[in-house]
Amino acid sequence: MLLANPISPDNLLSGSAALLDLSIVLFAECGLLVGFFLPGDTLLFAAGIDIAVGHISTSLTTFLVVAPIAAIAGNLVGYWIGYRAGPVVFDRPNSRLFRPEYVTRAHSFYERFGGWTVVVGRFVPIVRTVATVMAGVGRMRFALYALYSVIGAILWADGVLLLGHQLGKVKFVREHKGWIDYMVIAVVVLALVPTALHYWQGRRSRQRS
């Protein structure tokens, strides 16, 4: 049940600490590897709805300013973690999970796709957590990373907040908030389709060669 979940929107966005709770979740999800399970999309969407219906007294403008800042701060910390600790963690020849070649692959990936990796990855759960650390591991140029991190944070955090706020004005959405998780899952699945196709095409190419 949603109410039994301590990180559900109904629990985290209740009371006067809603903005603080949301900021902590966004920071952890965007910067700490342990935060990959946190529901950033769901909370942003639910916060927008709650603001629209008056369940949250803090203004939408305040959320639109603070939420991207929390996400950007998380990204910068994640980059630092990857830059400082990544090569050491991955330099374990006998590890099945962390392998030295992952550092080389990450560096090549970011060299090829650049900052758009940070922007697009922001909209995909788990990817937005891992991508920021891998940017540090791959030694992506920090100035470029910071620029696209800001762009991605604003587009993602403010975009989802505004979407929730607009939908919060729709009666059906207000009366079926429990469906938010399913809505987000549907959006994530659609977002992963291009990634899955790209992976499948790359795998077929490797098999042929």
N, C-alpha and C. Protein backbone atom coordinates (compact mmCIF):
# COMPACT_ATOMS: atom_id res chain seq x y z
N MET A 1 0.84 -1.19 0.00
CA MET A 1 0.00 0.00 0.00
C MET A 1 0.88 1.25 0.00
N LEU A 2 0.41 2.25 -0.68
CA LEU A 2 1.20 3.47 -0.83
C LEU A 2 1.46 4.15 0.50
N LEU A 3 0.44 4.17 1.39
CA LEU A 3 0.58 4.87 2.66
C LEU A 3 1.57 4.17 3.58
N ALA A 4 1.79 2.88 3.37
CA ALA A 4 2.72 2.13 4.21
C ALA A 4 4.16 2.35 3.78
N ASN A 5 4.36 2.96 2.65
CA ASN A 5 5.69 3.20 2.11
C ASN A 5 6.26 4.49 2.69
N PRO A 6 7.36 4.44 3.45
CA PRO A 6 7.91 5.65 4.08
C PRO A 6 8.42 6.69 3.10
N ILE A 7 8.69 6.28 1.84
CA ILE A 7 9.17 7.25 0.86
C ILE A 7 8.10 7.54 -0.18
N SER A 8 6.84 7.28 0.15
CA SER A 8 5.74 7.59 -0.75
C SER A 8 5.46 9.08 -0.72
N PRO A 9 4.86 9.63 -1.78
CA PRO A 9 4.53 11.06 -1.82
C PRO A 9 3.66 11.49 -0.64
N ASP A 10 2.69 10.66 -0.26
CA ASP A 10 1.79 11.04 0.83
C ASP A 10 2.54 11.23 2.13
N ASN A 11 3.63 10.49 2.33
CA ASN A 11 4.40 10.62 3.57
C ASN A 11 5.43 11.74 3.49
N LEU A 12 6.18 11.79 2.39
CA LEU A 12 7.26 12.76 2.28
C LEU A 12 6.79 14.17 2.01
N LEU A 13 5.63 14.31 1.38
CA LEU A 13 5.16 15.65 1.02
C LEU A 13 4.09 16.18 1.98
N SER A 14 3.99 15.56 3.14
CA SER A 14 3.01 16.03 4.13
C SER A 14 3.68 16.99 5.10
N GLY A 15 2.95 17.99 5.53
CA GLY A 15 3.47 18.93 6.50
C GLY A 15 4.31 20.03 5.88
N SER A 16 4.93 20.83 6.77
CA SER A 16 5.69 22.01 6.33
C SER A 16 7.06 21.66 5.77
N ALA A 17 7.50 20.41 5.95
CA ALA A 17 8.84 20.02 5.50
C ALA A 17 8.83 19.41 4.10
N ALA A 18 7.76 19.59 3.36
CA ALA A 18 7.63 18.97 2.04
C ALA A 18 8.79 19.35 1.12
N LEU A 19 9.12 20.64 1.07
CA LEU A 19 10.19 21.09 0.18
C LEU A 19 11.54 20.54 0.62
N LEU A 20 11.78 20.51 1.93
CA LEU A 20 13.04 19.97 2.44
C LEU A 20 13.16 18.48 2.12
N ASP A 21 12.09 17.73 2.34
CA ASP A 21 12.11 16.29 2.05
C ASP A 21 12.36 16.03 0.57
N LEU A 22 11.68 16.80 -0.28
CA LEU A 22 11.87 16.65 -1.72
C LEU A 22 13.31 16.95 -2.12
N SER A 23 13.88 18.00 -1.54
CA SER A 23 15.24 18.40 -1.87
C SER A 23 16.24 17.32 -1.48
N ILE A 24 16.04 16.71 -0.32
CA ILE A 24 16.94 15.65 0.15
C ILE A 24 16.89 14.46 -0.79
N VAL A 25 15.67 14.09 -1.21
CA VAL A 25 15.51 12.96 -2.12
C VAL A 25 16.17 13.25 -3.46
N LEU A 26 15.96 14.44 -4.01
CA LEU A 26 16.55 14.79 -5.29
C LEU A 26 18.07 14.80 -5.21
N PHE A 27 18.60 15.34 -4.13
CA PHE A 27 20.06 15.38 -3.94
C PHE A 27 20.63 13.97 -3.90
N ALA A 28 20.01 13.10 -3.12
CA ALA A 28 20.51 11.72 -2.97
C ALA A 28 20.37 10.94 -4.26
N GLU A 29 19.23 11.10 -4.94
CA GLU A 29 19.00 10.34 -6.16
C GLU A 29 19.93 10.78 -7.29
N CYS A 30 20.23 12.07 -7.34
CA CYS A 30 21.04 12.59 -8.44
C CYS A 30 22.54 12.52 -8.17
N GLY A 31 22.94 12.23 -6.93
CA GLY A 31 24.37 12.26 -6.64
C GLY A 31 24.96 11.08 -5.92
N LEU A 32 24.13 10.34 -5.19
CA LEU A 32 24.65 9.23 -4.39
C LEU A 32 24.20 7.92 -5.00
N LEU A 33 25.11 7.00 -5.20
CA LEU A 33 24.78 5.73 -5.82
C LEU A 33 23.71 4.96 -5.05
N VAL A 34 23.65 5.19 -3.72
CA VAL A 34 22.64 4.50 -2.91
C VAL A 34 21.25 5.09 -3.11
N GLY A 35 21.16 6.19 -3.86
CA GLY A 35 19.87 6.84 -4.04
C GLY A 35 19.11 6.44 -5.27
N PHE A 36 19.58 5.37 -5.97
CA PHE A 36 18.95 5.01 -7.23
C PHE A 36 17.51 4.55 -7.06
N PHE A 37 17.12 4.11 -5.84
CA PHE A 37 15.78 3.59 -5.62
C PHE A 37 14.79 4.69 -5.22
N LEU A 38 15.26 5.88 -5.05
CA LEU A 38 14.39 6.96 -4.56
C LEU A 38 13.47 7.48 -5.68
N PRO A 39 12.24 7.84 -5.32
CA PRO A 39 11.22 8.21 -6.33
C PRO A 39 11.21 9.69 -6.68
N GLY A 40 12.28 10.19 -7.28
CA GLY A 40 12.35 11.61 -7.60
C GLY A 40 11.25 12.07 -8.54
N ASP A 41 11.03 11.32 -9.63
CA ASP A 41 9.99 11.68 -10.59
C ASP A 41 8.61 11.74 -9.92
N THR A 42 8.33 10.70 -9.14
CA THR A 42 7.02 10.61 -8.49
C THR A 42 6.80 11.78 -7.54
N LEU A 43 7.82 12.11 -6.75
CA LEU A 43 7.68 13.20 -5.78
C LEU A 43 7.50 14.55 -6.47
N LEU A 44 8.25 14.79 -7.54
CA LEU A 44 8.10 16.05 -8.28
C LEU A 44 6.70 16.18 -8.85
N PHE A 45 6.23 15.10 -9.45
CA PHE A 45 4.90 15.08 -10.05
C PHE A 45 3.83 15.29 -8.99
N ALA A 46 3.95 14.56 -7.86
CA ALA A 46 2.98 14.67 -6.77
C ALA A 46 3.02 16.05 -6.13
N ALA A 47 4.22 16.61 -6.00
CA ALA A 47 4.34 17.95 -5.42
C ALA A 47 3.62 18.98 -6.26
N GLY A 48 3.77 18.87 -7.58
CA GLY A 48 3.06 19.80 -8.46
C GLY A 48 1.56 19.71 -8.28
N ILE A 49 1.05 18.48 -8.16
CA ILE A 49 -0.39 18.30 -7.94
C ILE A 49 -0.82 18.88 -6.60
N ASP A 50 -0.04 18.58 -5.54
CA ASP A 50 -0.40 19.05 -4.20
C ASP A 50 -0.38 20.57 -4.10
N ILE A 51 0.54 21.20 -4.82
CA ILE A 51 0.58 22.66 -4.83
C ILE A 51 -0.66 23.20 -5.52
N ALA A 52 -1.05 22.56 -6.62
CA ALA A 52 -2.22 23.02 -7.38
C ALA A 52 -3.51 22.92 -6.57
N VAL A 53 -3.63 21.87 -5.76
CA VAL A 53 -4.87 21.67 -4.99
C VAL A 53 -4.80 22.30 -3.61
N GLY A 54 -3.64 22.88 -3.25
CA GLY A 54 -3.52 23.58 -1.98
C GLY A 54 -3.10 22.73 -0.80
N HIS A 55 -2.65 21.49 -1.05
CA HIS A 55 -2.20 20.63 0.04
C HIS A 55 -0.81 21.03 0.53
N ILE A 56 -0.07 21.74 -0.32
CA ILE A 56 1.24 22.28 0.06
C ILE A 56 1.15 23.79 0.02
N SER A 57 1.50 24.42 1.13
CA SER A 57 1.37 25.87 1.23
C SER A 57 2.53 26.62 0.59
N THR A 58 3.70 25.97 0.48
CA THR A 58 4.85 26.62 -0.14
C THR A 58 4.54 26.90 -1.61
N SER A 59 4.96 28.05 -2.08
CA SER A 59 4.60 28.46 -3.43
C SER A 59 5.28 27.61 -4.50
N LEU A 60 4.65 27.55 -5.66
CA LEU A 60 5.23 26.83 -6.80
C LEU A 60 6.56 27.44 -7.21
N THR A 61 6.65 28.77 -7.15
CA THR A 61 7.89 29.45 -7.52
C THR A 61 9.06 28.98 -6.68
N THR A 62 8.82 28.83 -5.38
CA THR A 62 9.88 28.37 -4.48
C THR A 62 10.34 26.96 -4.86
N PHE A 63 9.40 26.10 -5.17
CA PHE A 63 9.74 24.75 -5.59
C PHE A 63 10.53 24.78 -6.90
N LEU A 64 10.13 25.64 -7.82
CA LEU A 64 10.79 25.72 -9.12
C LEU A 64 12.23 26.20 -9.00
N VAL A 65 12.54 26.93 -7.94
CA VAL A 65 13.90 27.41 -7.72
C VAL A 65 14.73 26.39 -6.95
N VAL A 66 14.17 25.86 -5.88
CA VAL A 66 14.92 24.98 -4.97
C VAL A 66 15.15 23.58 -5.55
N ALA A 67 14.14 23.01 -6.20
CA ALA A 67 14.26 21.64 -6.70
C ALA A 67 15.43 21.46 -7.67
N PRO A 68 15.59 22.33 -8.69
CA PRO A 68 16.74 22.17 -9.58
C PRO A 68 18.07 22.35 -8.86
N ILE A 69 18.11 23.25 -7.87
CA ILE A 69 19.35 23.47 -7.12
C ILE A 69 19.76 22.19 -6.39
N ALA A 70 18.76 21.51 -5.78
CA ALA A 70 19.06 20.26 -5.08
C ALA A 70 19.58 19.20 -6.04
N ALA A 71 18.98 19.13 -7.23
CA ALA A 71 19.41 18.15 -8.23
C ALA A 71 20.82 18.48 -8.74
N ILE A 72 21.09 19.75 -8.96
CA ILE A 72 22.42 20.17 -9.43
C ILE A 72 23.48 19.87 -8.38
N ALA A 73 23.16 20.17 -7.11
CA ALA A 73 24.10 19.90 -6.02
C ALA A 73 24.41 18.41 -5.95
N GLY A 74 23.38 17.58 -6.12
CA GLY A 74 23.60 16.14 -6.11
C GLY A 74 24.50 15.70 -7.25
N ASN A 75 24.29 16.28 -8.42
CA ASN A 75 25.12 15.95 -9.58
C ASN A 75 26.58 16.30 -9.36
N LEU A 76 26.83 17.45 -8.77
CA LEU A 76 28.21 17.87 -8.54
C LEU A 76 28.91 16.94 -7.55
N VAL A 77 28.18 16.53 -6.52
CA VAL A 77 28.74 15.59 -5.55
C VAL A 77 28.99 14.24 -6.21
N GLY A 78 28.02 13.79 -7.03
CA GLY A 78 28.18 12.52 -7.74
C GLY A 78 29.38 12.53 -8.67
N TYR A 79 29.57 13.65 -9.36
CA TYR A 79 30.73 13.78 -10.25
C TYR A 79 32.02 13.68 -9.45
N TRP A 80 32.05 14.34 -8.31
CA TRP A 80 33.25 14.33 -7.47
C TRP A 80 33.54 12.92 -6.96
N ILE A 81 32.49 12.20 -6.58
CA ILE A 81 32.65 10.82 -6.12
C ILE A 81 33.25 9.96 -7.24
N GLY A 82 32.69 10.10 -8.43
CA GLY A 82 33.20 9.33 -9.56
C GLY A 82 34.62 9.71 -9.92
N TYR A 83 34.92 11.00 -9.87
CA TYR A 83 36.25 11.49 -10.26
C TYR A 83 37.32 11.03 -9.28
N ARG A 84 36.99 11.12 -7.99
CA ARG A 84 37.98 10.80 -6.96
C ARG A 84 38.07 9.31 -6.65
N ALA A 85 36.91 8.67 -6.49
CA ALA A 85 36.90 7.28 -6.03
C ALA A 85 36.68 6.28 -7.15
N GLY A 86 36.10 6.73 -8.26
CA GLY A 86 35.76 5.82 -9.34
C GLY A 86 36.89 4.96 -9.85
N PRO A 87 38.00 5.56 -10.29
CA PRO A 87 39.10 4.75 -10.83
C PRO A 87 39.63 3.72 -9.84
N VAL A 88 39.65 4.07 -8.55
CA VAL A 88 40.12 3.14 -7.53
C VAL A 88 39.16 1.97 -7.39
N VAL A 89 37.86 2.30 -7.36
CA VAL A 89 36.84 1.26 -7.21
C VAL A 89 36.84 0.31 -8.41
N PHE A 90 37.01 0.88 -9.61
CA PHE A 90 36.93 0.06 -10.82
C PHE A 90 38.23 -0.68 -11.12
N ASP A 91 39.31 -0.32 -10.45
CA ASP A 91 40.60 -0.97 -10.70
C ASP A 91 40.72 -2.25 -9.87
N ARG A 92 39.79 -3.16 -10.11
CA ARG A 92 39.79 -4.45 -9.43
C ARG A 92 39.60 -5.54 -10.48
N PRO A 93 40.69 -6.10 -10.97
CA PRO A 93 40.63 -7.08 -12.07
C PRO A 93 39.74 -8.27 -11.79
N ASN A 94 39.61 -8.69 -10.52
CA ASN A 94 38.84 -9.88 -10.18
C ASN A 94 37.38 -9.58 -9.85
N SER A 95 36.98 -8.32 -9.94
CA SER A 95 35.61 -7.96 -9.60
C SER A 95 34.69 -8.18 -10.80
N ARG A 96 33.54 -8.78 -10.56
CA ARG A 96 32.58 -9.02 -11.62
C ARG A 96 31.76 -7.77 -11.94
N LEU A 97 31.62 -6.91 -10.94
CA LEU A 97 30.79 -5.72 -11.11
C LEU A 97 31.60 -4.50 -11.54
N PHE A 98 32.73 -4.28 -10.90
CA PHE A 98 33.56 -3.11 -11.19
C PHE A 98 34.81 -3.54 -11.93
N ARG A 99 34.88 -3.21 -13.20
CA ARG A 99 36.01 -3.63 -14.02
C ARG A 99 36.72 -2.41 -14.59
N PRO A 100 38.06 -2.49 -14.75
CA PRO A 100 38.83 -1.35 -15.25
C PRO A 100 38.35 -0.85 -16.61
N GLU A 101 37.90 -1.79 -17.47
CA GLU A 101 37.48 -1.35 -18.81
C GLU A 101 36.24 -0.47 -18.78
N TYR A 102 35.48 -0.52 -17.67
CA TYR A 102 34.29 0.33 -17.57
C TYR A 102 34.69 1.81 -17.57
N VAL A 103 35.85 2.11 -16.97
CA VAL A 103 36.34 3.49 -16.95
C VAL A 103 36.63 3.95 -18.37
N THR A 104 37.31 3.10 -19.15
CA THR A 104 37.62 3.44 -20.53
C THR A 104 36.36 3.62 -21.35
N ARG A 105 35.40 2.71 -21.16
CA ARG A 105 34.13 2.80 -21.90
C ARG A 105 33.38 4.07 -21.54
N ALA A 106 33.36 4.40 -20.25
CA ALA A 106 32.66 5.61 -19.81
C ALA A 106 33.29 6.85 -20.42
N HIS A 107 34.62 6.88 -20.42
CA HIS A 107 35.32 8.03 -21.00
C HIS A 107 35.00 8.18 -22.48
N SER A 108 35.02 7.07 -23.20
CA SER A 108 34.72 7.10 -24.63
C SER A 108 33.27 7.50 -24.89
N PHE A 109 32.36 7.01 -24.06
CA PHE A 109 30.94 7.32 -24.22
C PHE A 109 30.69 8.82 -24.07
N TYR A 110 31.27 9.41 -23.04
CA TYR A 110 31.07 10.84 -22.82
C TYR A 110 31.81 11.69 -23.84
N GLU A 111 32.93 11.18 -24.32
CA GLU A 111 33.63 11.90 -25.37
C GLU A 111 32.79 11.93 -26.65
N ARG A 112 32.03 10.87 -26.89
CA ARG A 112 31.23 10.77 -28.11
C ARG A 112 29.95 11.58 -28.03
N PHE A 113 29.22 11.44 -26.93
CA PHE A 113 27.90 12.06 -26.83
C PHE A 113 27.90 13.37 -26.02
N GLY A 114 28.97 13.61 -25.27
CA GLY A 114 29.10 14.87 -24.56
C GLY A 114 28.00 15.14 -23.54
N GLY A 115 27.66 16.42 -23.41
CA GLY A 115 26.73 16.85 -22.38
C GLY A 115 25.32 16.33 -22.53
N TRP A 116 24.93 15.94 -23.74
CA TRP A 116 23.56 15.46 -23.93
C TRP A 116 23.30 14.19 -23.14
N THR A 117 24.37 13.45 -22.82
CA THR A 117 24.22 12.27 -21.98
C THR A 117 23.66 12.67 -20.62
N VAL A 118 24.15 13.77 -20.08
CA VAL A 118 23.71 14.26 -18.77
C VAL A 118 22.27 14.74 -18.83
N VAL A 119 21.92 15.42 -19.91
CA VAL A 119 20.56 15.97 -20.04
C VAL A 119 19.53 14.86 -20.22
N VAL A 120 19.76 13.98 -21.19
CA VAL A 120 18.80 12.91 -21.47
C VAL A 120 18.73 11.92 -20.32
N GLY A 121 19.88 11.58 -19.74
CA GLY A 121 19.90 10.63 -18.64
C GLY A 121 19.14 11.12 -17.43
N ARG A 122 18.98 12.40 -17.32
CA ARG A 122 18.25 12.98 -16.19
C ARG A 122 16.81 12.48 -16.12
N PHE A 123 16.23 12.16 -17.24
CA PHE A 123 14.82 11.78 -17.28
C PHE A 123 14.60 10.27 -17.09
N VAL A 124 15.68 9.52 -16.90
CA VAL A 124 15.55 8.06 -16.77
C VAL A 124 16.02 7.63 -15.38
N PRO A 125 15.11 7.07 -14.56
CA PRO A 125 15.50 6.58 -13.23
C PRO A 125 16.66 5.60 -13.31
N ILE A 126 17.47 5.58 -12.29
CA ILE A 126 18.68 4.77 -12.19
C ILE A 126 19.78 5.36 -13.07
N VAL A 127 19.45 5.63 -14.34
CA VAL A 127 20.45 6.21 -15.25
C VAL A 127 20.91 7.57 -14.72
N ARG A 128 19.97 8.38 -14.22
CA ARG A 128 20.36 9.71 -13.74
C ARG A 128 21.24 9.60 -12.49
N THR A 129 21.16 8.49 -11.76
CA THR A 129 22.02 8.29 -10.60
C THR A 129 23.40 7.82 -11.02
N VAL A 130 23.44 6.86 -11.92
CA VAL A 130 24.72 6.27 -12.33
C VAL A 130 25.48 7.17 -13.29
N ALA A 131 24.76 7.85 -14.17
CA ALA A 131 25.42 8.66 -15.21
C ALA A 131 26.30 9.75 -14.63
N THR A 132 25.83 10.34 -13.54
CA THR A 132 26.61 11.45 -12.97
C THR A 132 27.93 10.96 -12.38
N VAL A 133 27.91 9.77 -11.75
CA VAL A 133 29.14 9.20 -11.21
C VAL A 133 30.06 8.78 -12.35
N MET A 134 29.48 8.19 -13.38
CA MET A 134 30.28 7.74 -14.52
C MET A 134 30.90 8.92 -15.28
N ALA A 135 30.25 10.08 -15.21
CA ALA A 135 30.84 11.27 -15.83
C ALA A 135 32.15 11.61 -15.15
N GLY A 136 32.19 11.46 -13.83
CA GLY A 136 33.44 11.70 -13.10
C GLY A 136 34.46 10.62 -13.37
N VAL A 137 34.01 9.37 -13.41
CA VAL A 137 34.90 8.25 -13.70
C VAL A 137 35.52 8.42 -15.08
N GLY A 138 34.71 8.84 -16.05
CA GLY A 138 35.18 9.02 -17.41
C GLY A 138 35.93 10.30 -17.65
N ARG A 139 36.13 11.09 -16.58
CA ARG A 139 36.88 12.35 -16.67
C ARG A 139 36.26 13.32 -17.67
N MET A 140 34.94 13.39 -17.71
CA MET A 140 34.29 14.38 -18.56
C MET A 140 34.70 15.78 -18.09
N ARG A 141 34.93 16.68 -19.02
CA ARG A 141 35.35 18.03 -18.66
C ARG A 141 34.33 18.67 -17.73
N PHE A 142 34.78 19.13 -16.56
CA PHE A 142 33.86 19.57 -15.51
C PHE A 142 33.00 20.75 -15.94
N ALA A 143 33.59 21.72 -16.63
CA ALA A 143 32.81 22.90 -17.04
C ALA A 143 31.66 22.49 -17.94
N LEU A 144 31.92 21.57 -18.87
CA LEU A 144 30.87 21.08 -19.77
C LEU A 144 29.83 20.30 -18.98
N TYR A 145 30.30 19.45 -18.07
CA TYR A 145 29.38 18.66 -17.26
C TYR A 145 28.47 19.56 -16.42
N ALA A 146 29.05 20.58 -15.79
CA ALA A 146 28.28 21.47 -14.93
C ALA A 146 27.22 22.21 -15.75
N LEU A 147 27.59 22.66 -16.95
CA LEU A 147 26.64 23.39 -17.80
C LEU A 147 25.44 22.52 -18.15
N TYR A 148 25.69 21.32 -18.64
CA TYR A 148 24.59 20.44 -19.03
C TYR A 148 23.83 19.89 -17.83
N SER A 149 24.49 19.83 -16.69
CA SER A 149 23.82 19.41 -15.47
C SER A 149 22.78 20.44 -15.07
N VAL A 150 23.13 21.71 -15.19
CA VAL A 150 22.18 22.80 -14.88
C VAL A 150 21.00 22.76 -15.85
N ILE A 151 21.30 22.61 -17.14
CA ILE A 151 20.24 22.55 -18.15
C ILE A 151 19.31 21.36 -17.88
N GLY A 152 19.90 20.20 -17.65
CA GLY A 152 19.10 19.01 -17.40
C GLY A 152 18.27 19.10 -16.14
N ALA A 153 18.85 19.68 -15.08
CA ALA A 153 18.13 19.80 -13.81
C ALA A 153 16.91 20.69 -13.94
N ILE A 154 17.07 21.80 -14.65
CA ILE A 154 15.95 22.73 -14.82
C ILE A 154 14.86 22.09 -15.68
N LEU A 155 15.26 21.48 -16.78
CA LEU A 155 14.27 20.85 -17.66
C LEU A 155 13.52 19.72 -16.95
N TRP A 156 14.26 18.91 -16.18
CA TRP A 156 13.65 17.77 -15.51
C TRP A 156 12.81 18.18 -14.30
N ALA A 157 13.45 18.81 -13.33
CA ALA A 157 12.75 19.15 -12.08
C ALA A 157 11.58 20.11 -12.33
N ASP A 158 11.86 21.19 -13.01
CA ASP A 158 10.80 22.18 -13.24
C ASP A 158 9.76 21.65 -14.23
N GLY A 159 10.21 20.87 -15.21
CA GLY A 159 9.27 20.31 -16.18
C GLY A 159 8.27 19.38 -15.54
N VAL A 160 8.75 18.47 -14.68
CA VAL A 160 7.85 17.52 -14.02
C VAL A 160 6.96 18.23 -13.00
N LEU A 161 7.52 19.22 -12.30
CA LEU A 161 6.72 20.00 -11.36
C LEU A 161 5.57 20.72 -12.07
N LEU A 162 5.89 21.37 -13.17
CA LEU A 162 4.87 22.12 -13.91
C LEU A 162 3.83 21.18 -14.52
N LEU A 163 4.28 20.01 -14.98
CA LEU A 163 3.34 19.03 -15.51
C LEU A 163 2.37 18.59 -14.43
N GLY A 164 2.90 18.28 -13.25
CA GLY A 164 2.03 17.89 -12.14
C GLY A 164 1.09 19.00 -11.73
N HIS A 165 1.60 20.23 -11.75
CA HIS A 165 0.78 21.39 -11.37
C HIS A 165 -0.38 21.59 -12.33
N GLN A 166 -0.11 21.43 -13.62
CA GLN A 166 -1.17 21.60 -14.60
C GLN A 166 -2.19 20.46 -14.51
N LEU A 167 -1.69 19.23 -14.35
CA LEU A 167 -2.60 18.11 -14.24
C LEU A 167 -3.37 18.14 -12.92
N GLY A 168 -2.79 18.81 -11.92
CA GLY A 168 -3.48 18.93 -10.64
C GLY A 168 -4.76 19.73 -10.73
N LYS A 169 -4.91 20.46 -11.82
CA LYS A 169 -6.13 21.22 -12.03
C LYS A 169 -7.23 20.39 -12.68
N VAL A 170 -6.86 19.16 -13.07
CA VAL A 170 -7.82 18.25 -13.69
C VAL A 170 -8.46 17.39 -12.59
N LYS A 171 -9.75 17.34 -12.56
CA LYS A 171 -10.47 16.64 -11.50
C LYS A 171 -10.11 15.17 -11.41
N PHE A 172 -10.01 14.50 -12.55
CA PHE A 172 -9.72 13.07 -12.55
C PHE A 172 -8.37 12.77 -11.89
N VAL A 173 -7.36 13.59 -12.19
CA VAL A 173 -6.03 13.39 -11.62
C VAL A 173 -6.05 13.62 -10.12
N ARG A 174 -6.75 14.66 -9.68
CA ARG A 174 -6.84 14.94 -8.25
C ARG A 174 -7.48 13.78 -7.49
N GLU A 175 -8.45 13.13 -8.10
CA GLU A 175 -9.17 12.07 -7.42
C GLU A 175 -8.48 10.71 -7.54
N HIS A 176 -7.42 10.62 -8.33
CA HIS A 176 -6.74 9.34 -8.52
C HIS A 176 -5.23 9.52 -8.34
N LYS A 177 -4.83 10.17 -7.26
CA LYS A 177 -3.41 10.39 -6.99
C LYS A 177 -2.67 9.08 -6.78
N GLY A 178 -3.37 8.06 -6.35
CA GLY A 178 -2.74 6.77 -6.13
C GLY A 178 -2.19 6.15 -7.41
N TRP A 179 -2.61 6.70 -8.55
CA TRP A 179 -2.15 6.19 -9.84
C TRP A 179 -0.84 6.84 -10.29
N ILE A 180 -0.33 7.75 -9.51
CA ILE A 180 0.86 8.49 -9.92
C ILE A 180 2.02 7.55 -10.22
N ASP A 181 2.25 6.56 -9.35
CA ASP A 181 3.36 5.63 -9.56
C ASP A 181 3.23 4.93 -10.91
N TYR A 182 2.01 4.54 -11.27
CA TYR A 182 1.80 3.84 -12.53
C TYR A 182 2.01 4.78 -13.72
N MET A 183 1.61 6.05 -13.55
CA MET A 183 1.82 7.03 -14.61
C MET A 183 3.31 7.21 -14.86
N VAL A 184 4.08 7.34 -13.77
CA VAL A 184 5.52 7.55 -13.90
C VAL A 184 6.18 6.33 -14.54
N ILE A 185 5.76 5.13 -14.12
CA ILE A 185 6.31 3.91 -14.70
C ILE A 185 6.07 3.86 -16.20
N ALA A 186 4.86 4.26 -16.62
CA ALA A 186 4.53 4.26 -18.04
C ALA A 186 5.43 5.22 -18.81
N VAL A 187 5.68 6.40 -18.23
CA VAL A 187 6.55 7.38 -18.87
C VAL A 187 7.97 6.85 -18.97
N VAL A 188 8.44 6.20 -17.88
CA VAL A 188 9.80 5.65 -17.86
C VAL A 188 9.96 4.56 -18.92
N VAL A 189 8.97 3.69 -19.04
CA VAL A 189 9.03 2.62 -20.03
C VAL A 189 9.15 3.19 -21.43
N LEU A 190 8.34 4.22 -21.71
CA LEU A 190 8.40 4.86 -23.02
C LEU A 190 9.77 5.50 -23.25
N ALA A 191 10.33 6.08 -22.18
CA ALA A 191 11.63 6.73 -22.31
C ALA A 191 12.74 5.72 -22.55
N LEU A 192 12.55 4.49 -22.05
CA LEU A 192 13.59 3.47 -22.18
C LEU A 192 13.56 2.75 -23.53
N VAL A 193 12.48 2.92 -24.28
CA VAL A 193 12.35 2.23 -25.57
C VAL A 193 13.51 2.57 -26.51
N PRO A 194 13.84 3.86 -26.73
CA PRO A 194 14.97 4.17 -27.62
C PRO A 194 16.28 3.56 -27.12
N THR A 195 16.48 3.59 -25.79
CA THR A 195 17.71 3.02 -25.22
C THR A 195 17.78 1.52 -25.49
N ALA A 196 16.65 0.83 -25.30
CA ALA A 196 16.61 -0.61 -25.53
C ALA A 196 16.88 -0.93 -26.99
N LEU A 197 16.31 -0.15 -27.90
CA LEU A 197 16.54 -0.37 -29.33
C LEU A 197 18.00 -0.17 -29.69
N HIS A 198 18.58 0.88 -29.12
CA HIS A 198 19.99 1.16 -29.38
C HIS A 198 20.87 0.02 -28.87
N TYR A 199 20.55 -0.50 -27.68
CA TYR A 199 21.32 -1.60 -27.11
C TYR A 199 21.18 -2.85 -27.98
N TRP A 200 19.97 -3.13 -28.43
CA TRP A 200 19.70 -4.31 -29.24
C TRP A 200 20.44 -4.23 -30.58
N GLN A 201 20.41 -3.05 -31.19
CA GLN A 201 21.12 -2.87 -32.46
C GLN A 201 22.63 -3.01 -32.28
N GLY A 202 23.15 -2.47 -31.16
CA GLY A 202 24.57 -2.58 -30.89
C GLY A 202 24.99 -4.02 -30.64
N ARG A 203 24.14 -4.76 -29.97
CA ARG A 203 24.44 -6.17 -29.70
C ARG A 203 24.45 -6.98 -30.98
N ARG A 204 23.50 -6.70 -31.87
CA ARG A 204 23.46 -7.42 -33.15
C ARG A 204 24.70 -7.11 -33.98
N SER A 205 25.13 -5.85 -33.93
CA SER A 205 26.32 -5.46 -34.70
C SER A 205 27.56 -6.18 -34.19
N ARG A 206 27.67 -6.32 -32.85
CA ARG A 206 28.82 -7.01 -32.27
C ARG A 206 28.81 -8.49 -32.62
N GLN A 207 27.61 -9.08 -32.66
CA GLN A 207 27.51 -10.51 -32.99
C GLN A 207 27.91 -10.78 -34.44
N ARG A 208 27.61 -9.82 -35.33
CA ARG A 208 27.94 -10.00 -36.74
C ARG A 208 29.45 -9.83 -36.99
N SER A 209 30.08 -9.00 -36.15
CA SER A 209 31.50 -8.69 -36.35
C SER A 209 32.39 -9.67 -35.60
